[in-house]
């Protein structure tokens, strides 16, 4: 497996200082699964290329695979790992370029902190989800991405493409950031790791993701894949990412936790028919859209729109004529803009999404008014209880849309989530989580106070003992 890093900065051979590997030498580094070689096929003043070549020992590789691995016996003889960039290459990078990944360069300290022109090439990268997945994960980081599918066999075009791509990343990026992004995203795109997942993997992810992962629009998917969908590890990592931002109002999307496979089996696990089940987050989106349709509400504002998942869903639905979104988090709004592609394409006059703006639900805002419906999807549980009354007055009193749709977790269902401690909440930023009786009491009180009726809709499989995982109230004035 091969990785090349090329720069065209003023004194290109300074790449050797940043990598702590001299351009005139070929160096070998023994790994538990083979040997890593670092060399420079080109080392000119204007153009310098460093290469990391990983020579995998098949015998050592087999010894790193557990016997519980699917097709363990066949894998000893038929295996793409020795040739394709994966967690093996990421591990080698961490060992060979450890100091560079930490951004240290005593001889060129200023250069280590400076973005430089880079071109990174991986000739064979396993990419579950195809070329588009590579673009989805790397483009928000500022890279120009070229992901070209590798055919199964050039001589037999009718066989189609393999699951590999030739990936080329071009951009002006700090070298340490580039290496850390590769370290995380190589196994994420492969969606596999060659070693057992332990709790210290969270530390590795937080360390390598510093400065970019928390702000990534697909941080939830990246975290889940990196941690092999280990629910407890994912929850810990997402919580630490939120804490690192030190901004509770800009917490990570609650849906990023709830999309994880759960004991109830409704978050992506295969059912009895063998078909993949629909995730809870998707079922929630579907339920909200259906509630709006049932109430014939075509002009909608998403209050607490987050990264824009509901906004983009409504924007693609011909039923809705006008859609807007608001969130207190500037960072979340940036993600929403990227989902809507407003960062690359100017908003068209006939675009259903009219506005996406910053606003706090605790203060009356004229921009909240004039819509047939308002949606608070997984929002109220992020609000401190003393401030909830202000939100009620703003939404149901000042804005006063004909329809209000509110979704929130059902605390009783938490016992069905594997690895969630008794009494714990689903997300570290939740200020509370209501039982079904508590949510009904709140909804009935708010409806009576502001002239609404409310009907309650379970979202997700309705467990006979603890109810559905999400509860939804549809308020009509």
Protein backbone atom coordinates (compact mmCIF):
# COMPACT_ATOMS: atom_id res chain seq x y z
CA UNK A 1 0.00 0.00 0.00
CA UNK A 2 1.24 3.44 -0.92
CA UNK A 3 0.77 7.06 0.18
CA UNK A 4 2.52 10.01 -1.49
CA UNK A 5 2.67 13.58 -0.19
CA UNK A 6 3.78 16.30 -2.61
CA UNK A 7 4.36 20.01 -2.03
CA UNK A 8 5.32 22.91 -4.29
CA UNK A 9 6.05 25.45 -1.56
CA UNK A 10 8.97 27.85 -2.01
CA UNK A 11 11.64 25.57 -0.59
CA UNK A 12 9.90 22.27 -1.25
CA UNK A 13 12.54 20.07 0.40
CA UNK A 14 11.56 21.62 3.73
CA UNK A 15 8.91 18.90 3.64
CA UNK A 16 11.70 16.74 5.07
CA UNK A 17 11.91 18.97 8.14
CA UNK A 18 8.13 18.80 8.67
CA UNK A 19 8.06 15.00 8.33
CA UNK A 20 11.33 14.56 10.28
CA UNK A 21 12.57 12.32 7.44
CA UNK A 22 15.62 13.38 5.41
CA UNK A 23 15.03 13.52 1.62
CA UNK A 24 18.39 11.88 0.90
CA UNK A 25 17.70 8.75 2.93
CA UNK A 26 15.52 5.66 2.65
CA UNK A 27 14.27 4.62 6.08
CA UNK A 28 12.66 1.40 7.34
CA UNK A 29 10.29 1.09 10.28
CA UNK A 30 9.21 -2.32 11.54
CA UNK A 31 5.51 -2.70 12.35
CA UNK A 32 3.63 -5.57 13.96
CA UNK A 33 2.21 -6.48 10.53
CA UNK A 34 5.12 -5.66 8.20
CA UNK A 35 7.64 -2.97 7.30
CA UNK A 36 7.05 0.70 6.48
CA UNK A 37 9.47 2.44 4.11
CA UNK A 38 9.82 6.21 3.76
CA UNK A 39 11.64 7.64 0.74
CA UNK A 40 11.55 10.62 -1.62
CA UNK A 41 11.06 9.77 -5.32
CA UNK A 42 11.39 13.50 -6.07
CA UNK A 43 13.24 16.05 -3.95
CA UNK A 44 13.64 19.33 -5.85
CA UNK A 45 13.58 22.87 -4.55
CA UNK A 46 10.22 23.56 -6.26
CA UNK A 47 8.65 20.13 -6.16
CA UNK A 48 9.14 17.51 -3.47
CA UNK A 49 7.37 14.18 -2.95
CA UNK A 50 7.58 11.94 0.11
CA UNK A 51 6.30 8.37 -0.11
CA UNK A 52 5.21 5.95 2.58
CA UNK A 53 5.24 2.38 1.29
CA UNK A 54 3.79 -0.27 3.58
CA UNK A 55 5.04 -3.79 2.88
CA UNK A 56 2.64 -6.10 4.73
CA UNK A 57 3.82 -9.50 5.93
CA UNK A 58 0.90 -11.92 5.32
CA UNK A 59 1.93 -14.13 8.25
CA UNK A 60 2.08 -11.19 10.66
CA UNK A 61 -1.20 -9.92 9.29
CA UNK A 62 -2.99 -13.20 9.97
CA UNK A 63 -1.72 -13.12 13.55
CA UNK A 64 -3.41 -9.74 14.09
CA UNK A 65 -6.83 -11.08 13.05
CA UNK A 66 -9.10 -12.62 15.62
CA UNK A 67 -10.67 -15.99 14.99
CA UNK A 68 -14.08 -14.40 15.40
CA UNK A 69 -13.47 -12.37 12.23
CA UNK A 70 -15.84 -13.36 9.39
CA UNK A 71 -14.19 -15.71 6.87
CA UNK A 72 -11.12 -15.99 9.11
CA UNK A 73 -9.83 -19.13 7.39
CA UNK A 74 -10.32 -17.74 3.88
CA UNK A 75 -8.83 -14.42 4.95
CA UNK A 76 -5.47 -16.12 5.52
CA UNK A 77 -5.22 -16.72 1.77
CA UNK A 78 -7.47 -14.16 0.08
CA UNK A 79 -7.12 -10.67 1.53
CA UNK A 80 -6.93 -7.14 0.14
CA UNK A 81 -5.30 -5.73 3.29
CA UNK A 82 -1.68 -6.02 2.05
CA UNK A 83 -2.47 -3.80 -0.95
CA UNK A 84 -5.20 -1.31 0.01
CA UNK A 85 -4.89 1.79 2.20
CA UNK A 86 -6.70 1.04 5.43
CA UNK A 87 -6.23 1.09 9.19
CA UNK A 88 -2.91 -0.68 8.61
CA UNK A 89 -1.60 2.34 6.75
CA UNK A 90 -3.12 4.69 9.34
CA UNK A 91 -1.31 2.81 12.11
CA UNK A 92 1.95 2.99 10.20
CA UNK A 93 1.46 6.74 9.73
CA UNK A 94 0.94 7.20 13.47
CA UNK A 95 4.22 5.39 14.18
CA UNK A 96 6.33 6.83 11.37
CA UNK A 97 5.04 10.42 11.37
CA UNK A 98 4.17 10.75 15.07
CA UNK A 99 6.04 14.02 15.63
CA UNK A 100 4.76 15.54 12.38
CA UNK A 101 1.16 14.69 13.35
CA UNK A 102 1.65 16.61 16.59
CA UNK A 103 2.68 19.68 14.61
CA UNK A 104 6.19 19.85 16.08
CA UNK A 105 9.18 21.02 14.07
CA UNK A 106 11.91 22.62 16.18
CA UNK A 107 13.98 23.57 13.12
CA UNK A 108 11.05 25.14 11.25
CA UNK A 109 8.47 26.04 13.94
CA UNK A 110 6.79 28.74 11.85
CA UNK A 111 6.44 26.40 8.88
CA UNK A 112 4.79 23.73 11.01
CA UNK A 113 1.97 26.19 11.80
CA UNK A 114 1.59 27.40 8.21
CA UNK A 115 -0.77 25.90 5.60
CA UNK A 116 1.26 24.74 2.60
CA UNK A 117 0.24 23.54 -0.89
CA UNK A 118 -0.18 19.76 -0.78
CA UNK A 119 -1.19 16.96 -3.09
CA UNK A 120 -1.85 13.62 -1.42
CA UNK A 121 -2.39 10.47 -3.49
CA UNK A 122 -3.64 7.04 -2.41
CA UNK A 123 -3.71 4.72 -5.45
CA UNK A 124 -5.96 2.09 -3.84
CA UNK A 125 -8.35 3.12 -1.09
CA UNK A 126 -11.28 0.91 0.00
CA UNK A 127 -14.26 3.24 0.05
CA UNK A 128 -17.55 1.92 1.35
CA UNK A 129 -20.11 4.19 -0.26
CA UNK A 130 -18.07 4.88 -3.39
CA UNK A 131 -16.35 8.00 -4.64
CA UNK A 132 -19.11 10.27 -3.34
CA UNK A 133 -18.37 9.14 0.21
CA UNK A 134 -14.76 10.26 -0.09
CA UNK A 135 -15.93 13.66 -1.37
CA UNK A 136 -18.47 13.91 1.46
CA UNK A 137 -15.84 13.38 4.14
CA UNK A 138 -12.90 15.35 2.70
CA UNK A 139 -14.51 18.33 0.91
CA UNK A 140 -15.75 20.05 4.12
CA UNK A 141 -12.12 20.10 5.26
CA UNK A 142 -11.13 22.34 2.36
CA UNK A 143 -9.73 19.72 -0.02
CA UNK A 144 -10.30 19.51 -3.74
CA UNK A 145 -11.16 15.82 -4.04
CA UNK A 146 -10.69 13.49 -6.98
CA UNK A 147 -11.95 9.96 -6.29
CA UNK A 148 -11.74 7.77 -9.36
CA UNK A 149 -13.28 4.28 -9.09
CA UNK A 150 -10.90 1.42 -9.80
CA UNK A 151 -12.41 -1.11 -12.26
CA UNK A 152 -12.59 -4.75 -11.21
CA UNK A 153 -10.64 -5.61 -14.36
CA UNK A 154 -9.73 -3.11 -17.12
CA UNK A 155 -10.02 -5.94 -19.67
CA UNK A 156 -13.62 -6.67 -18.72
CA UNK A 157 -15.44 -3.38 -18.43
CA UNK A 158 -18.81 -5.09 -18.11
CA UNK A 159 -17.76 -6.31 -14.66
CA UNK A 160 -18.00 -2.75 -13.40
CA UNK A 161 -16.04 -0.99 -10.69
CA UNK A 162 -14.51 -2.39 -7.53
CA UNK A 163 -15.07 -0.87 -4.09
CA UNK A 164 -11.72 0.91 -4.38
CA UNK A 165 -10.93 4.42 -5.54
CA UNK A 166 -7.76 6.25 -6.47
CA UNK A 167 -7.93 9.26 -4.19
CA UNK A 168 -6.17 12.55 -4.87
CA UNK A 169 -6.47 15.43 -2.39
CA UNK A 170 -5.28 18.89 -3.37
CA UNK A 171 -5.30 21.91 -1.09
CA UNK A 172 -3.42 24.38 1.06
CA UNK A 173 -3.43 22.76 4.47
CA UNK A 174 -1.19 22.56 7.52
CA UNK A 175 0.72 19.28 7.18
CA UNK A 176 -0.15 18.11 10.70
CA UNK A 177 -3.85 18.64 9.98
CA UNK A 178 -3.60 16.71 6.72
CA UNK A 179 -1.91 13.74 8.40
CA UNK A 180 -4.43 13.64 11.25
CA UNK A 181 -7.36 13.82 8.85
CA UNK A 182 -5.93 10.89 6.89
CA UNK A 183 -5.30 8.94 10.09
CA UNK A 184 -8.98 9.19 11.03
CA UNK A 185 -10.63 8.98 7.61
CA UNK A 186 -8.72 6.08 6.02
CA UNK A 187 -10.30 3.45 8.31
CA UNK A 188 -13.57 5.43 8.26
CA UNK A 189 -13.85 5.15 4.48
CA UNK A 190 -12.82 1.49 4.63
CA UNK A 191 -15.34 1.07 7.49
CA UNK A 192 -13.08 -1.56 9.06
CA UNK A 193 -10.17 -1.85 11.47
CA UNK A 194 -7.62 -4.60 11.76
CA UNK A 195 -7.43 -4.55 15.55
CA UNK A 196 -9.66 -4.80 18.61
CA UNK A 197 -11.44 -1.59 19.60
CA UNK A 198 -10.55 -0.51 23.14
CA UNK A 199 -11.58 2.62 25.11
CA UNK A 200 -8.27 4.32 24.28
CA UNK A 201 -9.51 4.61 20.68
CA UNK A 202 -11.65 7.51 21.88
CA UNK A 203 -8.51 9.33 23.04
CA UNK A 204 -6.87 8.72 19.66
CA UNK A 205 -9.91 10.05 17.82
CA UNK A 206 -10.22 13.19 19.96
CA UNK A 207 -6.49 13.88 19.63
CA UNK A 208 -6.38 13.38 15.85
CA UNK A 209 -9.69 15.20 15.33
CA UNK A 210 -8.72 18.31 17.27
CA UNK A 211 -9.60 21.47 15.39
CA UNK A 212 -11.68 19.87 12.63
CA UNK A 213 -13.83 16.91 13.68
CA UNK A 214 -16.27 18.73 15.97
CA UNK A 215 -17.12 21.17 13.17
CA UNK A 216 -17.45 18.51 10.46
CA UNK A 217 -21.04 18.17 9.15
CA UNK A 218 -20.67 14.37 9.18
CA UNK A 219 -18.90 14.10 12.54
CA UNK A 220 -21.50 11.60 13.78
CA UNK A 221 -20.98 9.20 10.87
CA UNK A 222 -17.19 9.60 11.11
CA UNK A 223 -17.23 8.90 14.84
CA UNK A 224 -19.44 5.83 14.47
CA UNK A 225 -17.35 4.31 11.70
CA UNK A 226 -14.04 5.08 13.39
CA UNK A 227 -15.24 3.41 16.60
CA UNK A 228 -16.80 0.45 14.77
CA UNK A 229 -20.29 1.36 16.01
CA UNK A 230 -19.40 0.56 19.62
CA UNK A 231 -22.24 2.48 21.19
CA UNK A 232 -20.59 3.26 24.54
CA UNK A 233 -17.42 4.49 22.82
CA UNK A 234 -19.39 6.58 20.33
CA UNK A 235 -21.40 8.21 23.11
CA UNK A 236 -18.22 9.05 25.04
CA UNK A 237 -16.52 10.49 21.95
CA UNK A 238 -19.48 12.67 20.95
CA UNK A 239 -19.77 13.95 24.50
CA UNK A 240 -16.08 14.85 24.62
CA UNK A 241 -16.35 16.61 21.26
CA UNK A 242 -19.21 18.68 22.63
CA UNK A 243 -17.26 19.46 25.80
CA UNK A 244 -14.21 20.48 23.77
CA UNK A 245 -16.27 23.19 22.10
CA UNK A 246 -17.19 24.60 25.53
CA UNK A 247 -20.48 25.86 24.09
CA UNK A 248 -23.58 23.99 25.26
CA UNK A 249 -25.80 25.96 22.85
CA UNK A 250 -23.80 24.51 19.97
CA UNK A 251 -23.96 20.90 21.08
CA UNK A 252 -23.78 18.06 18.63
CA UNK A 253 -26.91 16.81 16.94
CA UNK A 254 -28.78 14.50 19.33
CA UNK A 255 -29.70 12.31 16.38
CA UNK A 256 -26.04 11.39 15.99
CA UNK A 257 -26.26 9.24 19.10
CA UNK A 258 -29.73 7.88 18.51
CA UNK A 259 -28.89 6.61 15.03
CA UNK A 260 -26.65 4.02 16.62
CA UNK A 261 -27.70 0.36 16.68
CA UNK A 262 -29.76 -0.21 19.80
CA UNK A 263 -31.14 -3.20 21.62
CA UNK A 264 -34.55 -2.49 20.14
CA UNK A 265 -33.07 -3.15 16.68
CA UNK A 266 -34.49 -0.09 14.95
CA UNK A 267 -31.32 1.81 14.16
CA UNK A 268 -29.97 0.10 11.11
CA UNK A 269 -29.87 -3.58 12.10
CA UNK A 270 -31.25 -6.20 9.76
CA UNK A 271 -34.68 -7.49 10.59
CA UNK A 272 -36.18 -10.94 10.12
CA UNK A 273 -36.67 -10.29 6.40
CA UNK A 274 -32.96 -9.61 5.98
CA UNK A 275 -33.65 -6.00 4.95
CA UNK A 276 -31.89 -3.18 6.77
CA UNK A 277 -34.18 -1.43 9.24
CA UNK A 278 -34.81 2.29 8.97
CA UNK A 279 -32.88 4.31 11.56
CA UNK A 280 -34.70 6.15 14.33
CA UNK A 281 -33.44 9.50 12.99
CA UNK A 282 -34.94 8.72 9.58
CA UNK A 283 -38.23 7.59 11.10
CA UNK A 284 -38.36 10.81 13.09
CA UNK A 285 -37.86 12.88 9.93
CA UNK A 286 -40.56 10.91 8.16
CA UNK A 287 -42.97 11.35 11.08
CA UNK A 288 -42.46 15.12 11.21
CA UNK A 289 -42.95 15.49 7.46
CA UNK A 290 -46.09 13.35 7.60
CA UNK A 291 -47.51 15.40 10.50
CA UNK A 292 -47.01 18.59 8.49
CA UNK A 293 -48.71 17.03 5.49
CA UNK A 294 -51.61 15.80 7.62
CA UNK A 295 -52.16 19.38 8.83
CA UNK A 296 -51.77 20.80 5.30
CA UNK A 297 -48.97 23.10 6.52
CA UNK A 298 -46.97 24.19 3.49
CA UNK A 299 -45.04 27.14 4.94
CA UNK A 300 -42.74 25.86 7.70
CA UNK A 301 -40.02 27.20 9.95
CA UNK A 302 -37.61 24.74 11.61
CA UNK A 303 -36.73 26.24 15.00
CA UNK A 304 -33.43 24.76 16.17
CA UNK A 305 -32.63 23.50 12.67
CA UNK A 306 -29.12 22.33 13.62
CA UNK A 307 -27.16 21.06 10.62
CA UNK A 308 -30.22 21.26 8.36
CA UNK A 309 -31.35 17.65 8.02
CA UNK A 310 -35.05 18.51 8.14
CA UNK A 311 -34.54 21.65 6.04
CA UNK A 312 -33.00 19.70 3.18
CA UNK A 313 -35.77 17.09 3.39
CA UNK A 314 -38.49 19.76 3.18
CA UNK A 315 -36.65 21.60 0.40
CA UNK A 316 -36.83 18.51 -1.82
CA UNK A 317 -40.56 17.92 -1.21
CA UNK A 318 -42.90 19.59 -3.71
CA UNK A 319 -45.67 19.68 -1.09
CA UNK A 320 -43.95 22.53 0.79
CA UNK A 321 -43.95 26.01 -0.70
CA UNK A 322 -41.77 27.95 1.76
CA UNK A 323 -39.24 26.74 4.33
CA UNK A 324 -36.94 28.60 6.72
CA UNK A 325 -34.66 27.59 9.57
CA UNK A 326 -33.17 29.16 12.66
CA UNK A 327 -30.58 28.05 15.17
CA UNK A 328 -28.62 29.70 17.97
CA UNK A 329 -25.37 28.11 16.76
CA UNK A 330 -23.41 29.86 14.01
CA UNK A 331 -21.45 26.65 13.47
CA UNK A 332 -24.62 24.62 12.98
CA UNK A 333 -25.92 27.18 10.49
CA UNK A 334 -22.69 26.81 8.53
CA UNK A 335 -23.37 23.10 8.27
CA UNK A 336 -26.92 23.78 7.14
CA UNK A 337 -25.67 26.13 4.44
CA UNK A 338 -23.30 23.42 3.21
CA UNK A 339 -26.13 20.88 3.11
CA UNK A 340 -28.16 23.32 1.04
CA UNK A 341 -25.04 24.07 -1.04
CA UNK A 342 -25.52 27.81 -0.44
CA UNK A 343 -21.77 28.00 0.20
CA UNK A 344 -21.14 27.05 -3.47
CA UNK A 345 -24.26 28.14 -5.33
CA UNK A 346 -26.22 31.40 -4.89
CA UNK A 347 -29.75 31.00 -3.58
CA UNK A 348 -32.26 30.97 -6.43
CA UNK A 349 -35.43 33.07 -6.31
CA UNK A 350 -37.61 29.97 -6.61
CA UNK A 351 -35.75 28.12 -3.86
CA UNK A 352 -38.20 26.75 -1.27
CA UNK A 353 -35.76 27.53 1.51
CA UNK A 354 -36.23 31.28 2.01
CA UNK A 355 -33.92 31.96 4.94
CA UNK A 356 -31.58 30.25 7.40
CA UNK A 357 -30.67 32.63 10.20
CA UNK A 358 -29.25 32.86 13.71
CA UNK A 359 -31.78 33.32 16.49
CA UNK A 360 -32.48 32.30 20.09
CA UNK A 361 -35.81 30.72 21.01
CA UNK A 362 -35.86 32.48 24.36
CA UNK A 363 -36.36 35.90 22.72
CA UNK A 364 -39.27 37.08 20.58
CA UNK A 365 -38.17 37.46 16.97
CA UNK A 366 -40.34 38.84 14.18
CA UNK A 367 -38.65 36.44 11.77
CA UNK A 368 -40.35 33.53 13.58
CA UNK A 369 -43.79 34.85 12.62
CA UNK A 370 -45.88 34.34 9.48
CA UNK A 371 -45.50 30.58 9.03
CA UNK A 372 -48.25 27.99 9.04
CA UNK A 373 -46.14 25.58 11.09
CA UNK A 374 -43.12 25.55 13.39
CA UNK A 375 -41.06 22.45 14.16
CA UNK A 376 -38.97 21.87 17.29
CA UNK A 377 -37.35 18.52 16.49
CA UNK A 378 -35.21 17.26 19.39
CA UNK A 379 -34.81 20.81 20.72
CA UNK A 380 -36.71 21.27 24.01
CA UNK A 381 -34.56 18.80 25.95
CA UNK A 382 -31.50 21.02 25.26
CA UNK A 383 -33.11 23.98 27.05
CA UNK A 384 -32.53 24.66 30.74
CA UNK A 385 -35.86 24.13 32.57
CA UNK A 386 -35.97 27.71 33.96
CA UNK A 387 -35.80 29.02 30.37
CA UNK A 388 -38.43 26.69 28.98
CA UNK A 389 -41.25 29.08 29.88
CA UNK A 390 -39.67 31.79 27.71
CA UNK A 391 -39.50 29.36 24.78
CA UNK A 392 -43.17 28.48 25.24
CA UNK A 393 -44.16 32.17 25.14
CA UNK A 394 -42.02 32.87 22.05
CA UNK A 395 -43.18 29.87 20.01
CA UNK A 396 -46.81 29.39 21.06
CA UNK A 397 -47.55 32.99 22.02
CA UNK A 398 -45.49 35.43 19.93
CA UNK A 399 -44.93 33.37 16.75
CA UNK A 400 -48.30 31.58 17.15
CA UNK A 401 -48.28 29.38 14.03
CA UNK A 402 -51.34 27.33 13.23
CA UNK A 403 -49.35 24.09 13.82
CA UNK A 404 -46.42 23.29 16.13
CA UNK A 405 -44.65 19.91 15.96
CA UNK A 406 -42.45 18.95 18.92
CA UNK A 407 -40.37 15.77 19.21
CA UNK A 408 -38.33 14.73 22.24
CA UNK A 409 -36.82 11.52 23.65
CA UNK A 410 -38.92 9.20 25.78
CA UNK A 411 -36.87 8.72 28.96
CA UNK A 412 -38.66 5.45 29.77
CA UNK A 413 -37.26 3.87 26.60
CA UNK A 414 -33.65 4.49 27.68
CA UNK A 415 -33.51 1.11 29.42
CA UNK A 416 -33.61 -0.48 25.96
CA UNK A 417 -30.35 1.20 24.92
CA UNK A 418 -27.41 -1.12 25.39
CA UNK A 419 -24.57 0.45 27.36
CA UNK A 420 -26.58 3.41 28.68
CA UNK A 421 -26.17 3.60 32.45
CA UNK A 422 -29.32 3.66 34.63
CA UNK A 423 -30.54 7.22 34.95
CA UNK A 424 -28.23 8.51 32.24
CA UNK A 425 -29.52 10.61 29.35
CA UNK A 426 -28.98 9.95 25.67
CA UNK A 427 -26.82 13.00 25.01
CA UNK A 428 -24.43 14.94 27.25
CA UNK A 429 -26.10 18.26 26.39
CA UNK A 430 -29.63 17.17 27.37
CA UNK A 431 -30.88 19.23 30.31
CA UNK A 432 -33.71 16.75 30.97
CA UNK A 433 -35.58 13.89 29.34
CA UNK A 434 -39.31 13.44 29.89
CA UNK A 435 -41.29 10.30 30.55
CA UNK A 436 -44.48 9.92 28.52
CA UNK A 437 -46.58 11.21 31.43
CA UNK A 438 -44.29 14.23 31.91
CA UNK A 439 -44.39 15.13 28.23
CA UNK A 440 -48.19 14.82 28.13
CA UNK A 441 -48.53 17.02 31.20
CA UNK A 442 -46.27 19.68 29.68
CA UNK A 443 -48.00 19.51 26.28
CA UNK A 444 -51.50 19.69 27.77
CA UNK A 445 -50.56 22.69 29.92
CA UNK A 446 -48.95 24.59 27.04
CA UNK A 447 -51.84 23.81 24.69
CA UNK A 448 -54.43 25.02 27.19
CA UNK A 449 -52.49 28.18 27.97
CA UNK A 450 -52.13 29.25 24.32
CA UNK A 451 -55.32 27.99 22.68
CA UNK A 452 -54.06 24.79 21.05
CA UNK A 453 -55.14 21.17 20.93
CA UNK A 454 -52.46 18.47 20.98
CA UNK A 455 -52.34 14.91 19.75
CA UNK A 456 -49.53 12.51 20.69
CA UNK A 457 -47.76 10.30 18.16
CA UNK A 458 -45.16 7.60 19.01
CA UNK A 459 -42.10 7.57 16.76
CA UNK A 460 -40.25 4.28 16.36
CA UNK A 461 -41.35 0.85 17.52
CA UNK A 462 -43.88 1.27 20.32
CA UNK A 463 -42.56 -0.99 23.07
CA UNK A 464 -45.52 -2.35 25.11
CA UNK A 465 -43.65 -1.75 28.38
CA UNK A 466 -41.68 1.46 27.91
CA UNK A 467 -43.20 3.06 24.82
CA UNK A 468 -41.56 4.32 21.62
CA UNK A 469 -38.04 5.81 21.73
CA UNK A 470 -39.26 9.23 20.55
CA UNK A 471 -42.49 11.00 21.46
CA UNK A 472 -44.10 13.63 19.24
CA UNK A 473 -46.74 16.21 20.02
CA UNK A 474 -48.69 17.85 17.16
CA UNK A 475 -50.26 21.10 18.38
CA UNK A 476 -53.04 22.72 16.32
CA UNK A 477 -54.47 26.16 17.05
